[in-house]
């Protein structure tokens, strides 16, 4: 015979509360984001390709520099450096 622990809140009420919380999150956080997609896509279409390439190259350079940062700090762990 298995013994079940008594919960303070019945399962149907817990499900309704979780459904309401989920609906609240979707309505207040997801729906406004969907509404702004058209404007964001329009703005992306207006981007100058040269600036986009420059930003991508600079971001990649910053990631490489951040990765190499432990190699220049004392004491340098030799297993981490290139």
N, C-alpha and C. Protein backbone atom coordinates (compact mmCIF):
# COMPACT_ATOMS: atom_id res chain seq x y z
N UNK A 1 0.84 -1.17 0.00
CA UNK A 1 0.00 0.00 0.00
C UNK A 1 0.90 1.25 0.00
N UNK A 2 0.66 2.14 -0.95
CA UNK A 2 1.46 3.37 -1.04
C UNK A 2 0.76 4.48 -0.27
N UNK A 3 1.56 5.30 0.34
CA UNK A 3 1.04 6.43 1.10
C UNK A 3 1.36 7.69 0.34
N UNK A 4 0.32 8.47 0.05
CA UNK A 4 0.52 9.74 -0.65
C UNK A 4 0.54 10.88 0.34
N UNK A 5 1.43 11.80 0.09
CA UNK A 5 1.51 12.98 0.95
C UNK A 5 0.38 13.93 0.59
N UNK A 6 -0.24 14.49 1.57
CA UNK A 6 -1.31 15.45 1.34
C UNK A 6 -0.71 16.80 0.95
N UNK A 7 -1.20 17.34 -0.16
CA UNK A 7 -0.74 18.66 -0.58
C UNK A 7 -1.72 19.71 -0.11
N UNK A 8 -1.25 20.90 0.08
CA UNK A 8 -2.10 21.98 0.57
C UNK A 8 -3.08 22.45 -0.49
N UNK A 9 -2.70 22.34 -1.77
CA UNK A 9 -3.54 22.83 -2.86
C UNK A 9 -3.94 21.64 -3.73
N UNK A 10 -5.23 21.48 -3.99
CA UNK A 10 -5.66 20.38 -4.86
C UNK A 10 -5.12 20.55 -6.28
N UNK A 11 -4.97 19.43 -6.96
CA UNK A 11 -4.37 19.43 -8.30
C UNK A 11 -5.15 20.29 -9.29
N UNK A 12 -6.50 20.23 -9.37
CA UNK A 12 -7.20 21.08 -10.34
C UNK A 12 -6.97 22.58 -10.11
N UNK A 13 -6.91 22.98 -8.87
CA UNK A 13 -6.67 24.40 -8.59
C UNK A 13 -5.25 24.78 -8.99
N UNK A 14 -4.30 23.90 -8.73
CA UNK A 14 -2.92 24.15 -9.12
C UNK A 14 -2.81 24.29 -10.64
N UNK A 15 -3.51 23.44 -11.38
CA UNK A 15 -3.48 23.52 -12.84
C UNK A 15 -4.07 24.83 -13.34
N UNK A 16 -5.17 25.26 -12.76
CA UNK A 16 -5.79 26.53 -13.17
C UNK A 16 -4.85 27.70 -12.89
N UNK A 17 -4.20 27.68 -11.74
CA UNK A 17 -3.28 28.77 -11.39
C UNK A 17 -2.09 28.78 -12.36
N UNK A 18 -1.54 27.61 -12.67
CA UNK A 18 -0.43 27.55 -13.62
C UNK A 18 -0.87 28.01 -15.01
N UNK A 19 -2.08 27.66 -15.42
CA UNK A 19 -2.60 28.12 -16.71
C UNK A 19 -2.74 29.63 -16.73
N UNK A 20 -3.26 30.21 -15.65
CA UNK A 20 -3.41 31.66 -15.59
C UNK A 20 -2.06 32.38 -15.58
N UNK A 21 -1.11 31.85 -14.86
CA UNK A 21 0.23 32.45 -14.83
C UNK A 21 0.87 32.35 -16.21
N UNK A 22 0.74 31.19 -16.87
CA UNK A 22 1.28 31.04 -18.22
C UNK A 22 0.63 31.99 -19.21
N UNK A 23 -0.70 32.15 -19.11
CA UNK A 23 -1.39 33.10 -19.99
C UNK A 23 -0.92 34.53 -19.73
N UNK A 24 -0.73 34.88 -18.47
CA UNK A 24 -0.24 36.21 -18.13
C UNK A 24 1.12 36.47 -18.76
N UNK A 25 2.02 35.51 -18.65
CA UNK A 25 3.36 35.66 -19.22
C UNK A 25 3.29 35.81 -20.74
N UNK A 26 2.49 34.99 -21.39
CA UNK A 26 2.38 35.06 -22.85
C UNK A 26 1.78 36.39 -23.28
N UNK A 27 0.70 36.81 -22.62
CA UNK A 27 0.02 38.05 -23.03
C UNK A 27 0.89 39.28 -22.79
N UNK A 28 1.61 39.31 -21.68
CA UNK A 28 2.35 40.53 -21.34
C UNK A 28 3.78 40.56 -21.86
N UNK A 29 4.34 39.41 -22.22
CA UNK A 29 5.74 39.41 -22.66
C UNK A 29 5.91 38.93 -24.10
N UNK A 30 5.17 37.94 -24.54
CA UNK A 30 5.37 37.38 -25.88
C UNK A 30 4.62 38.15 -26.95
N UNK A 31 3.37 38.48 -26.69
CA UNK A 31 2.55 39.15 -27.71
C UNK A 31 3.12 40.51 -28.11
N UNK A 32 3.54 41.36 -27.17
CA UNK A 32 4.14 42.64 -27.60
C UNK A 32 5.40 42.45 -28.45
N UNK A 33 6.16 41.38 -28.21
CA UNK A 33 7.35 41.13 -29.01
C UNK A 33 6.96 40.74 -30.44
N UNK A 34 5.91 39.98 -30.58
CA UNK A 34 5.46 39.59 -31.92
C UNK A 34 4.99 40.80 -32.70
N UNK A 35 4.36 41.74 -32.03
CA UNK A 35 3.87 42.94 -32.70
C UNK A 35 5.01 43.79 -33.25
N UNK A 36 6.19 43.74 -32.64
CA UNK A 36 7.30 44.55 -33.09
C UNK A 36 8.17 43.90 -34.15
N UNK A 37 7.84 42.69 -34.58
CA UNK A 37 8.67 41.97 -35.55
C UNK A 37 8.66 42.66 -36.90
N UNK A 38 7.50 43.12 -37.36
CA UNK A 38 7.42 43.76 -38.67
C UNK A 38 8.30 45.00 -38.73
N UNK A 39 8.25 45.81 -37.69
CA UNK A 39 9.08 47.02 -37.66
C UNK A 39 10.56 46.68 -37.62
N UNK A 40 10.92 45.63 -36.86
CA UNK A 40 12.32 45.23 -36.77
C UNK A 40 12.82 44.71 -38.11
N UNK A 41 12.01 43.93 -38.82
CA UNK A 41 12.42 43.43 -40.13
C UNK A 41 12.56 44.57 -41.13
N UNK A 42 11.70 45.55 -41.05
CA UNK A 42 11.81 46.71 -41.93
C UNK A 42 13.11 47.46 -41.66
N UNK A 43 13.45 47.64 -40.39
CA UNK A 43 14.69 48.33 -40.05
C UNK A 43 15.91 47.53 -40.47
N UNK A 44 15.86 46.22 -40.38
CA UNK A 44 16.98 45.40 -40.83
C UNK A 44 17.18 45.51 -42.33
N UNK A 45 16.11 45.73 -43.06
CA UNK A 45 16.22 45.92 -44.50
C UNK A 45 16.88 47.24 -44.86
N UNK A 46 16.91 48.18 -43.95
CA UNK A 46 17.49 49.49 -44.20
C UNK A 46 18.95 49.59 -43.78
N UNK A 47 19.53 48.52 -43.26
CA UNK A 47 20.90 48.54 -42.75
C UNK A 47 21.90 48.57 -43.90
N UNK A 48 22.92 49.42 -43.76
CA UNK A 48 24.00 49.47 -44.73
C UNK A 48 24.89 48.24 -44.52
N UNK A 49 25.14 47.49 -45.56
CA UNK A 49 25.87 46.23 -45.47
C UNK A 49 27.30 46.44 -44.97
N UNK A 50 27.92 47.56 -45.32
CA UNK A 50 29.28 47.82 -44.86
C UNK A 50 29.35 47.94 -43.35
N UNK A 51 28.38 48.62 -42.74
CA UNK A 51 28.35 48.74 -41.29
C UNK A 51 28.11 47.39 -40.62
N UNK A 52 27.27 46.57 -41.23
CA UNK A 52 26.99 45.25 -40.69
C UNK A 52 28.24 44.36 -40.70
N UNK A 53 28.99 44.40 -41.80
CA UNK A 53 30.22 43.62 -41.91
C UNK A 53 31.25 44.14 -40.90
N UNK A 54 31.39 45.46 -40.79
CA UNK A 54 32.33 46.04 -39.84
C UNK A 54 31.97 45.65 -38.41
N UNK A 55 30.70 45.72 -38.06
CA UNK A 55 30.27 45.34 -36.72
C UNK A 55 30.54 43.88 -36.43
N UNK A 56 30.33 43.00 -37.43
CA UNK A 56 30.59 41.57 -37.25
C UNK A 56 32.07 41.31 -37.04
N UNK A 57 32.92 41.96 -37.84
CA UNK A 57 34.36 41.77 -37.70
C UNK A 57 34.85 42.28 -36.35
N UNK A 58 34.38 43.43 -35.91
CA UNK A 58 34.79 43.97 -34.62
C UNK A 58 34.31 43.09 -33.46
N UNK A 59 33.12 42.54 -33.57
CA UNK A 59 32.62 41.64 -32.53
C UNK A 59 33.45 40.37 -32.46
N UNK A 60 33.82 39.83 -33.61
CA UNK A 60 34.68 38.64 -33.61
C UNK A 60 36.05 38.96 -33.03
N UNK A 61 36.60 40.12 -33.34
CA UNK A 61 37.89 40.52 -32.78
C UNK A 61 37.81 40.69 -31.27
N UNK A 62 36.70 41.21 -30.77
CA UNK A 62 36.57 41.37 -29.33
C UNK A 62 36.45 40.02 -28.63
N UNK A 63 35.80 39.05 -29.27
CA UNK A 63 35.70 37.71 -28.69
C UNK A 63 37.08 37.06 -28.64
N UNK A 64 37.86 37.22 -29.70
CA UNK A 64 39.22 36.66 -29.72
C UNK A 64 40.08 37.33 -28.65
N UNK A 65 39.98 38.64 -28.54
CA UNK A 65 40.77 39.36 -27.53
C UNK A 65 40.38 38.94 -26.12
N UNK A 66 39.09 38.74 -25.88
CA UNK A 66 38.64 38.32 -24.56
C UNK A 66 39.10 36.90 -24.26
N UNK A 67 39.17 36.06 -25.29
CA UNK A 67 39.64 34.69 -25.11
C UNK A 67 41.14 34.68 -24.80
N UNK A 68 41.89 35.57 -25.39
CA UNK A 68 43.34 35.62 -25.18
C UNK A 68 43.73 36.35 -23.90
N UNK A 69 42.81 37.00 -23.23
CA UNK A 69 43.10 37.79 -22.04
C UNK A 69 43.77 36.98 -20.93
N UNK A 70 43.36 35.75 -20.63
CA UNK A 70 44.04 35.00 -19.57
C UNK A 70 45.51 34.71 -19.88
N UNK A 71 45.88 34.68 -21.15
CA UNK A 71 47.27 34.41 -21.52
C UNK A 71 48.20 35.57 -21.13
N UNK A 72 47.66 36.77 -21.02
CA UNK A 72 48.50 37.93 -20.71
C UNK A 72 48.50 38.29 -19.24
N UNK A 73 47.69 37.64 -18.46
CA UNK A 73 47.63 37.98 -17.03
C UNK A 73 48.53 37.05 -16.23
N UNK A 74 49.29 37.60 -15.25
CA UNK A 74 50.16 36.74 -14.44
C UNK A 74 49.36 36.06 -13.34
N UNK A 75 49.64 34.91 -12.91
CA UNK A 75 50.47 33.90 -13.57
C UNK A 75 49.69 33.26 -14.71
N UNK A 76 50.36 33.03 -15.79
CA UNK A 76 49.72 32.52 -16.99
C UNK A 76 49.62 31.00 -16.94
N UNK A 77 48.41 30.46 -16.98
CA UNK A 77 48.28 28.99 -17.01
C UNK A 77 48.62 28.48 -18.40
N UNK A 78 49.66 27.74 -18.52
CA UNK A 78 50.16 27.30 -19.82
C UNK A 78 49.19 26.37 -20.55
N UNK A 79 48.37 25.66 -19.83
CA UNK A 79 47.44 24.75 -20.49
C UNK A 79 46.30 25.51 -21.16
N UNK A 80 46.09 26.79 -20.80
CA UNK A 80 44.99 27.56 -21.36
C UNK A 80 45.46 28.38 -22.58
N UNK A 81 46.71 28.83 -22.58
CA UNK A 81 47.20 29.72 -23.63
C UNK A 81 47.47 28.97 -24.92
N UNK A 82 47.51 29.72 -25.97
CA UNK A 82 47.75 29.14 -27.30
C UNK A 82 49.19 28.72 -27.48
